[in-house]
């Protein structure tokens, strides 16, 4: 069975539907029993969706936030 740390590492691949059958079954089994990981994956999906909806010209003044938004946008394009 996967551990929470592994769920965190595989969450993007899960949302991209890029897990092997075995990984997918282990991932879903873990989500079935772990409320915290279900919330984590749900929040990641919401974040990716929000980034997709964010206007490209929205002003982001903080450099760290700007870099995070760039990474999230790149990830959102995969979905």
PDB file of N, CA and C in Angstrom:
ATOM      1  N   UNK A   1       0.841  -1.181   0.000  1.00  0.00           N
ATOM      2  CA  UNK A   1       0.000   0.000   0.000  1.00  0.00           C
ATOM      3  C   UNK A   1       0.890   1.249   0.000  1.00  0.00           C
ATOM      4  N   UNK A   2       0.474   2.247  -0.745  1.00  0.00           N
ATOM      5  CA  UNK A   2       1.226   3.489  -0.829  1.00  0.00           C
ATOM      6  C   UNK A   2       1.123   4.275   0.471  1.00  0.00           C
ATOM      7  N   UNK A   3       2.162   5.039   0.760  1.00  0.00           N
ATOM      8  CA  UNK A   3       2.168   5.929   1.919  1.00  0.00           C
ATOM      9  C   UNK A   3       1.748   7.320   1.460  1.00  0.00           C
ATOM     10  N   UNK A   4       1.369   8.147   2.411  1.00  0.00           N
ATOM     11  CA  UNK A   4       0.902   9.501   2.087  1.00  0.00           C
ATOM     12  C   UNK A   4       1.941  10.281   1.279  1.00  0.00           C
ATOM     13  N   UNK A   5       3.207  10.137   1.607  1.00  0.00           N
ATOM     14  CA  UNK A   5       4.268  10.835   0.881  1.00  0.00           C
ATOM     15  C   UNK A   5       4.285  10.408  -0.592  1.00  0.00           C
ATOM     16  N   UNK A   6       4.036   9.133  -0.842  1.00  0.00           N
ATOM     17  CA  UNK A   6       3.999   8.631  -2.220  1.00  0.00           C
ATOM     18  C   UNK A   6       2.783   9.177  -2.967  1.00  0.00           C
ATOM     19  N   UNK A   7       1.671   9.320  -2.267  1.00  0.00           N
ATOM     20  CA  UNK A   7       0.476   9.914  -2.880  1.00  0.00           C
ATOM     21  C   UNK A   7       0.784  11.340  -3.307  1.00  0.00           C
ATOM     22  N   UNK A   8       1.457  12.082  -2.434  1.00  0.00           N
ATOM     23  CA  UNK A   8       1.840  13.460  -2.755  1.00  0.00           C
ATOM     24  C   UNK A   8       2.709  13.497  -4.010  1.00  0.00           C
ATOM     25  N   UNK A   9       3.638  12.558  -4.115  1.00  0.00           N
ATOM     26  CA  UNK A   9       4.553  12.528  -5.257  1.00  0.00           C
ATOM     27  C   UNK A   9       3.864  12.091  -6.550  1.00  0.00           C
ATOM     28  N   UNK A  10       2.833  11.262  -6.444  1.00  0.00           N
ATOM     29  CA  UNK A  10       2.156  10.725  -7.632  1.00  0.00           C
ATOM     30  C   UNK A  10       0.891  11.493  -8.019  1.00  0.00           C
ATOM     31  N   UNK A  11       0.491  12.466  -7.216  1.00  0.00           N
ATOM     32  CA  UNK A  11      -0.793  13.142  -7.435  1.00  0.00           C
ATOM     33  C   UNK A  11      -0.900  13.780  -8.820  1.00  0.00           C
ATOM     34  N   UNK A  12       0.136  14.444  -9.271  1.00  0.00           N
ATOM     35  CA  UNK A  12       0.079  15.071 -10.600  1.00  0.00           C
ATOM     36  C   UNK A  12      -0.055  14.023 -11.699  1.00  0.00           C
ATOM     37  N   UNK A  13       0.693  12.938 -11.570  1.00  0.00           N
ATOM     38  CA  UNK A  13       0.579  11.858 -12.557  1.00  0.00           C
ATOM     39  C   UNK A  13      -0.819  11.251 -12.530  1.00  0.00           C
ATOM     40  N   UNK A  14      -1.400  11.144 -11.355  1.00  0.00           N
ATOM     41  CA  UNK A  14      -2.771  10.634 -11.231  1.00  0.00           C
ATOM     42  C   UNK A  14      -3.745  11.551 -11.979  1.00  0.00           C
ATOM     43  N   UNK A  15      -3.639  12.849 -11.746  1.00  0.00           N
ATOM     44  CA  UNK A  15      -4.536  13.794 -12.414  1.00  0.00           C
ATOM     45  C   UNK A  15      -4.286  13.837 -13.919  1.00  0.00           C
ATOM     46  N   UNK A  16      -3.060  13.541 -14.323  1.00  0.00           N
ATOM     47  CA  UNK A  16      -2.723  13.482 -15.753  1.00  0.00           C
ATOM     48  C   UNK A  16      -3.082  12.133 -16.368  1.00  0.00           C
ATOM     49  N   UNK A  17      -3.610  11.237 -15.547  1.00  0.00           N
ATOM     50  CA  UNK A  17      -3.936   9.866 -15.963  1.00  0.00           C
ATOM     51  C   UNK A  17      -2.700   9.185 -16.540  1.00  0.00           C
ATOM     52  N   UNK A  18      -1.596   9.338 -15.810  1.00  0.00           N
ATOM     53  CA  UNK A  18      -0.312   8.830 -16.277  1.00  0.00           C
ATOM     54  C   UNK A  18       0.284   7.816 -15.293  1.00  0.00           C
ATOM     55  N   UNK A  19      -0.578   7.013 -14.650  1.00  0.00           N
ATOM     56  CA  UNK A  19      -0.120   5.962 -13.745  1.00  0.00           C
ATOM     57  C   UNK A  19      -0.346   4.601 -14.394  1.00  0.00           C
ATOM     58  N   UNK A  20       0.517   3.662 -14.056  1.00  0.00           N
ATOM     59  CA  UNK A  20       0.293   2.290 -14.514  1.00  0.00           C
ATOM     60  C   UNK A  20      -0.954   1.747 -13.812  1.00  0.00           C
ATOM     61  N   UNK A  21      -1.466   0.639 -14.301  1.00  0.00           N
ATOM     62  CA  UNK A  21      -2.656   0.052 -13.690  1.00  0.00           C
ATOM     63  C   UNK A  21      -2.418  -0.263 -12.213  1.00  0.00           C
ATOM     64  N   UNK A  22      -1.271  -0.847 -11.906  1.00  0.00           N
ATOM     65  CA  UNK A  22      -0.943  -1.177 -10.521  1.00  0.00           C
ATOM     66  C   UNK A  22      -0.842   0.051  -9.638  1.00  0.00           C
ATOM     67  N   UNK A  23      -0.177   1.095 -10.158  1.00  0.00           N
ATOM     68  CA  UNK A  23      -0.073   2.344  -9.404  1.00  0.00           C
ATOM     69  C   UNK A  23      -1.451   2.956  -9.180  1.00  0.00           C
ATOM     70  N   UNK A  24      -2.281   2.922 -10.216  1.00  0.00           N
ATOM     71  CA  UNK A  24      -3.618   3.493 -10.120  1.00  0.00           C
ATOM     72  C   UNK A  24      -4.443   2.783  -9.052  1.00  0.00           C
ATOM     73  N   UNK A  25      -4.389   1.464  -9.026  1.00  0.00           N
ATOM     74  CA  UNK A  25      -5.156   0.703  -8.032  1.00  0.00           C
ATOM     75  C   UNK A  25      -4.659   1.002  -6.619  1.00  0.00           C
ATOM     76  N   UNK A  26      -3.327   1.051  -6.444  1.00  0.00           N
ATOM     77  CA  UNK A  26      -2.758   1.364  -5.130  1.00  0.00           C
ATOM     78  C   UNK A  26      -3.111   2.791  -4.718  1.00  0.00           C
ATOM     79  N   UNK A  27      -3.077   3.712  -5.669  1.00  0.00           N
ATOM     80  CA  UNK A  27      -3.403   5.113  -5.408  1.00  0.00           C
ATOM     81  C   UNK A  27      -4.855   5.228  -4.951  1.00  0.00           C
ATOM     82  N   UNK A  28      -5.767   4.612  -5.708  1.00  0.00           N
ATOM     83  CA  UNK A  28      -7.190   4.689  -5.368  1.00  0.00           C
ATOM     84  C   UNK A  28      -7.493   4.009  -4.035  1.00  0.00           C
ATOM     85  N   UNK A  29      -6.818   2.906  -3.740  1.00  0.00           N
ATOM     86  CA  UNK A  29      -7.019   2.221  -2.460  1.00  0.00           C
ATOM     87  C   UNK A  29      -6.609   3.136  -1.310  1.00  0.00           C
ATOM     88  N   UNK A  30      -5.484   3.807  -1.476  1.00  0.00           N
ATOM     89  CA  UNK A  30      -5.030   4.723  -0.434  1.00  0.00           C
ATOM     90  C   UNK A  30      -6.032   5.862  -0.259  1.00  0.00           C
ATOM     91  N   UNK A  31      -6.497   6.445  -1.363  1.00  0.00           N
ATOM     92  CA  UNK A  31      -7.473   7.535  -1.264  1.00  0.00           C
ATOM     93  C   UNK A  31      -8.756   7.072  -0.593  1.00  0.00           C
ATOM     94  N   UNK A  32      -9.122   5.824  -0.805  1.00  0.00           N
ATOM     95  CA  UNK A  32     -10.336   5.276  -0.206  1.00  0.00           C
ATOM     96  C   UNK A  32     -10.269   5.299   1.316  1.00  0.00           C
ATOM     97  N   UNK A  33      -9.064   5.063   1.860  1.00  0.00           N
ATOM     98  CA  UNK A  33      -8.956   4.985   3.315  1.00  0.00           C
ATOM     99  C   UNK A  33      -8.357   6.233   3.967  1.00  0.00           C
ATOM    100  N   UNK A  34      -7.786   7.142   3.191  1.00  0.00           N
ATOM    101  CA  UNK A  34      -7.081   8.297   3.771  1.00  0.00           C
ATOM    102  C   UNK A  34      -7.775   9.612   3.413  1.00  0.00           C
ATOM    103  N   UNK A  35      -8.463  10.155   4.376  1.00  0.00           N
ATOM    104  CA  UNK A  35      -9.195  11.407   4.194  1.00  0.00           C
ATOM    105  C   UNK A  35      -8.249  12.562   3.831  1.00  0.00           C
ATOM    106  N   UNK A  36      -7.093  12.626   4.489  1.00  0.00           N
ATOM    107  CA  UNK A  36      -6.156  13.720   4.225  1.00  0.00           C
ATOM    108  C   UNK A  36      -5.652  13.708   2.785  1.00  0.00           C
ATOM    109  N   UNK A  37      -5.344  12.546   2.276  1.00  0.00           N
ATOM    110  CA  UNK A  37      -4.865  12.461   0.893  1.00  0.00           C
ATOM    111  C   UNK A  37      -5.983  12.747  -0.104  1.00  0.00           C
ATOM    112  N   UNK A  38      -7.205  12.323   0.209  1.00  0.00           N
ATOM    113  CA  UNK A  38      -8.345  12.677  -0.655  1.00  0.00           C
ATOM    114  C   UNK A  38      -8.466  14.192  -0.745  1.00  0.00           C
ATOM    115  N   UNK A  39      -8.352  14.854   0.405  1.00  0.00           N
ATOM    116  CA  UNK A  39      -8.425  16.316   0.416  1.00  0.00           C
ATOM    117  C   UNK A  39      -7.270  16.938  -0.360  1.00  0.00           C
ATOM    118  N   UNK A  40      -6.071  16.386  -0.214  1.00  0.00           N
ATOM    119  CA  UNK A  40      -4.907  16.906  -0.924  1.00  0.00           C
ATOM    120  C   UNK A  40      -5.104  16.831  -2.438  1.00  0.00           C
ATOM    121  N   UNK A  41      -5.530  15.680  -2.924  1.00  0.00           N
ATOM    122  CA  UNK A  41      -5.719  15.491  -4.366  1.00  0.00           C
ATOM    123  C   UNK A  41      -6.855  16.382  -4.866  1.00  0.00           C
ATOM    124  N   UNK A  42      -7.917  16.489  -4.085  1.00  0.00           N
ATOM    125  CA  UNK A  42      -9.040  17.346  -4.473  1.00  0.00           C
ATOM    126  C   UNK A  42      -8.582  18.807  -4.550  1.00  0.00           C
ATOM    127  N   UNK A  43      -7.804  19.257  -3.566  1.00  0.00           N
ATOM    128  CA  UNK A  43      -7.315  20.632  -3.558  1.00  0.00           C
ATOM    129  C   UNK A  43      -6.350  20.883  -4.714  1.00  0.00           C
ATOM    130  N   UNK A  44      -5.503  19.920  -5.026  1.00  0.00           N
ATOM    131  CA  UNK A  44      -4.594  20.063  -6.167  1.00  0.00           C
ATOM    132  C   UNK A  44      -5.383  20.224  -7.461  1.00  0.00           C
ATOM    133  N   UNK A  45      -6.424  19.429  -7.616  1.00  0.00           N
ATOM    134  CA  UNK A  45      -7.259  19.522  -8.814  1.00  0.00           C
ATOM    135  C   UNK A  45      -7.943  20.889  -8.898  1.00  0.00           C
ATOM    136  N   UNK A  46      -8.441  21.388  -7.769  1.00  0.00           N
ATOM    137  CA  UNK A  46      -9.075  22.711  -7.733  1.00  0.00           C
ATOM    138  C   UNK A  46      -8.058  23.791  -8.087  1.00  0.00           C
ATOM    139  N   UNK A  47      -6.847  23.672  -7.554  1.00  0.00           N
ATOM    140  CA  UNK A  47      -5.801  24.654  -7.838  1.00  0.00           C
ATOM    141  C   UNK A  47      -5.462  24.678  -9.321  1.00  0.00           C
ATOM    142  N   UNK A  48      -5.313  23.515  -9.916  1.00  0.00           N
ATOM    143  CA  UNK A  48      -5.002  23.436 -11.348  1.00  0.00           C
ATOM    144  C   UNK A  48      -6.127  24.046 -12.171  1.00  0.00           C
ATOM    145  N   UNK A  49      -7.364  23.743 -11.810  1.00  0.00           N
ATOM    146  CA  UNK A  49      -8.517  24.308 -12.516  1.00  0.00           C
ATOM    147  C   UNK A  49      -8.540  25.824 -12.373  1.00  0.00           C
ATOM    148  N   UNK A  50      -8.250  26.325 -11.171  1.00  0.00           N
ATOM    149  CA  UNK A  50      -8.238  27.773 -10.936  1.00  0.00           C
ATOM    150  C   UNK A  50      -7.175  28.466 -11.769  1.00  0.00           C
ATOM    151  N   UNK A  51      -6.012  27.846 -11.870  1.00  0.00           N
ATOM    152  CA  UNK A  51      -4.934  28.425 -12.677  1.00  0.00           C
ATOM    153  C   UNK A  51      -5.344  28.485 -14.143  1.00  0.00           C
ATOM    154  N   UNK A  52      -6.032  27.449 -14.616  1.00  0.00           N
ATOM    155  CA  UNK A  52      -6.507  27.458 -16.003  1.00  0.00           C
ATOM    156  C   UNK A  52      -7.440  28.630 -16.260  1.00  0.00           C
ATOM    157  N   UNK A  53      -8.237  28.982 -15.258  1.00  0.00           N
ATOM    158  CA  UNK A  53      -9.223  30.047 -15.422  1.00  0.00           C
ATOM    159  C   UNK A  53      -8.648  31.436 -15.173  1.00  0.00           C
ATOM    160  N   UNK A  54      -7.438  31.505 -14.633  1.00  0.00           N
ATOM    161  CA  UNK A  54      -6.819  32.783 -14.304  1.00  0.00           C
ATOM    162  C   UNK A  54      -6.420  33.513 -15.588  1.00  0.00           C
ATOM    163  N   UNK A  55      -6.787  34.784 -15.699  1.00  0.00           N
ATOM    164  CA  UNK A  55      -6.377  35.551 -16.878  1.00  0.00           C
ATOM    165  C   UNK A  55      -4.850  35.609 -16.975  1.00  0.00           C
ATOM    166  N   UNK A  56      -4.340  35.446 -18.163  1.00  0.00           N
ATOM    167  CA  UNK A  56      -2.892  35.430 -18.378  1.00  0.00           C
ATOM    168  C   UNK A  56      -2.249  36.761 -18.014  1.00  0.00           C
ATOM    169  N   UNK A  57      -3.001  37.840 -18.099  1.00  0.00           N
ATOM    170  CA  UNK A  57      -2.437  39.161 -17.836  1.00  0.00           C
ATOM    171  C   UNK A  57      -2.646  39.618 -16.396  1.00  0.00           C
ATOM    172  N   UNK A  58      -3.101  38.728 -15.522  1.00  0.00           N
ATOM    173  CA  UNK A  58      -3.292  39.100 -14.121  1.00  0.00           C
ATOM    174  C   UNK A  58      -1.944  39.469 -13.517  1.00  0.00           C
ATOM    175  N   UNK A  59      -1.914  40.575 -12.784  1.00  0.00           N
ATOM    176  CA  UNK A  59      -0.667  41.062 -12.208  1.00  0.00           C
ATOM    177  C   UNK A  59      -0.314  40.242 -10.970  1.00  0.00           C
ATOM    178  N   UNK A  60       0.900  39.713 -10.978  1.00  0.00           N
ATOM    179  CA  UNK A  60       1.419  38.994  -9.823  1.00  0.00           C
ATOM    180  C   UNK A  60       2.738  39.665  -9.461  1.00  0.00           C
ATOM    181  N   UNK A  61       2.778  40.309  -8.293  1.00  0.00           N
ATOM    182  CA  UNK A  61       3.943  41.117  -7.950  1.00  0.00           C
ATOM    183  C   UNK A  61       5.045  40.331  -7.240  1.00  0.00           C
ATOM    184  N   UNK A  62       4.705  39.333  -6.496  1.00  0.00           N
ATOM    185  CA  UNK A  62       5.683  38.563  -5.747  1.00  0.00           C
ATOM    186  C   UNK A  62       6.387  37.569  -6.670  1.00  0.00           C
ATOM    187  N   UNK A  63       7.719  37.568  -6.669  1.00  0.00           N
ATOM    188  CA  UNK A  63       8.482  36.692  -7.568  1.00  0.00           C
ATOM    189  C   UNK A  63       8.210  35.215  -7.315  1.00  0.00           C
ATOM    190  N   UNK A  64       8.102  34.824  -6.048  1.00  0.00           N
ATOM    191  CA  UNK A  64       7.838  33.419  -5.743  1.00  0.00           C
ATOM    192  C   UNK A  64       6.448  33.022  -6.225  1.00  0.00           C
ATOM    193  N   UNK A  65       5.487  33.899  -6.032  1.00  0.00           N
ATOM    194  CA  UNK A  65       4.130  33.631  -6.494  1.00  0.00           C
ATOM    195  C   UNK A  65       4.094  33.574  -8.011  1.00  0.00           C
ATOM    196  N   UNK A  66       4.848  34.457  -8.642  1.00  0.00           N
ATOM    197  CA  UNK A  66       4.911  34.478 -10.099  1.00  0.00           C
ATOM    198  C   UNK A  66       5.477  33.160 -10.633  1.00  0.00           C
ATOM    199  N   UNK A  67       6.540  32.676 -10.013  1.00  0.00           N
ATOM    200  CA  UNK A  67       7.147  31.413 -10.445  1.00  0.00           C
ATOM    201  C   UNK A  67       6.206  30.240 -10.193  1.00  0.00           C
ATOM    202  N   UNK A  68       5.523  30.238  -9.047  1.00  0.00           N
ATOM    203  CA  UNK A  68       4.562  29.181  -8.751  1.00  0.00           C
ATOM    204  C   UNK A  68       3.429  29.187  -9.768  1.00  0.00           C
ATOM    205  N   UNK A  69       2.913  30.361 -10.081  1.00  0.00           N
ATOM    206  CA  UNK A  69       1.836  30.466 -11.070  1.00  0.00           C
ATOM    207  C   UNK A  69       2.292  29.937 -12.427  1.00  0.00           C
ATOM    208  N   UNK A  70       3.535  30.231 -12.788  1.00  0.00           N
ATOM    209  CA  UNK A  70       4.074  29.737 -14.060  1.00  0.00           C
ATOM    210  C   UNK A  70       4.115  28.208 -14.066  1.00  0.00           C
ATOM    211  N   UNK A  71       4.607  27.622 -12.994  1.00  0.00           N
ATOM    212  CA  UNK A  71       4.680  26.165 -12.906  1.00  0.00           C
ATOM    213  C   UNK A  71       3.293  25.536 -12.920  1.00  0.00           C
ATOM    214  N   UNK A  72       2.361  26.139 -12.203  1.00  0.00           N
ATOM    215  CA  UNK A  72       1.003  25.604 -12.166  1.00  0.00           C
ATOM    216  C   UNK A  72       0.326  25.722 -13.528  1.00  0.00           C
ATOM    217  N   UNK A  73       0.572  26.830 -14.229  1.00  0.00           N
ATOM    218  CA  UNK A  73       0.003  26.980 -15.574  1.00  0.00           C
ATOM    219  C   UNK A  73       0.545  25.904 -16.509  1.00  0.00           C
ATOM    220  N   UNK A  74       1.850  25.650 -16.423  1.00  0.00           N
ATOM    221  CA  UNK A  74       2.451  24.611 -17.261  1.00  0.00           C
ATOM    222  C   UNK A  74       1.835  23.252 -16.948  1.00  0.00           C
ATOM    223  N   UNK A  75       1.627  22.978 -15.681  1.00  0.00           N
ATOM    224  CA  UNK A  75       1.004  21.717 -15.288  1.00  0.00           C
ATOM    225  C   UNK A  75      -0.457  21.678 -15.732  1.00  0.00           C
ATOM    226  N   UNK A  76      -1.143  22.812 -15.650  1.00  0.00           N
ATOM    227  CA  UNK A  76      -2.559  22.870 -16.029  1.00  0.00           C
ATOM    228  C   UNK A  76      -2.741  22.593 -17.515  1.00  0.00           C
ATOM    229  N   UNK A  77      -1.755  22.958 -18.326  1.00  0.00           N
ATOM    230  CA  UNK A  77      -1.860  22.709 -19.772  1.00  0.00           C
ATOM    231  C   UNK A  77      -1.893  21.219 -20.087  1.00  0.00           C
ATOM    232  N   UNK A  78      -1.368  20.414 -19.178  1.00  0.00           N
ATOM    233  CA  UNK A  78      -1.378  18.967 -19.370  1.00  0.00           C
ATOM    234  C   UNK A  78      -2.769  18.386 -19.184  1.00  0.00           C
ATOM    235  N   UNK A  79      -3.628  19.090 -18.461  1.00  0.00           N
ATOM    236  CA  UNK A  79      -4.960  18.555 -18.118  1.00  0.00           C
ATOM    237  C   UNK A  79      -5.989  18.949 -19.133  1.00  0.00           C
TER     238      UNK A  79
END
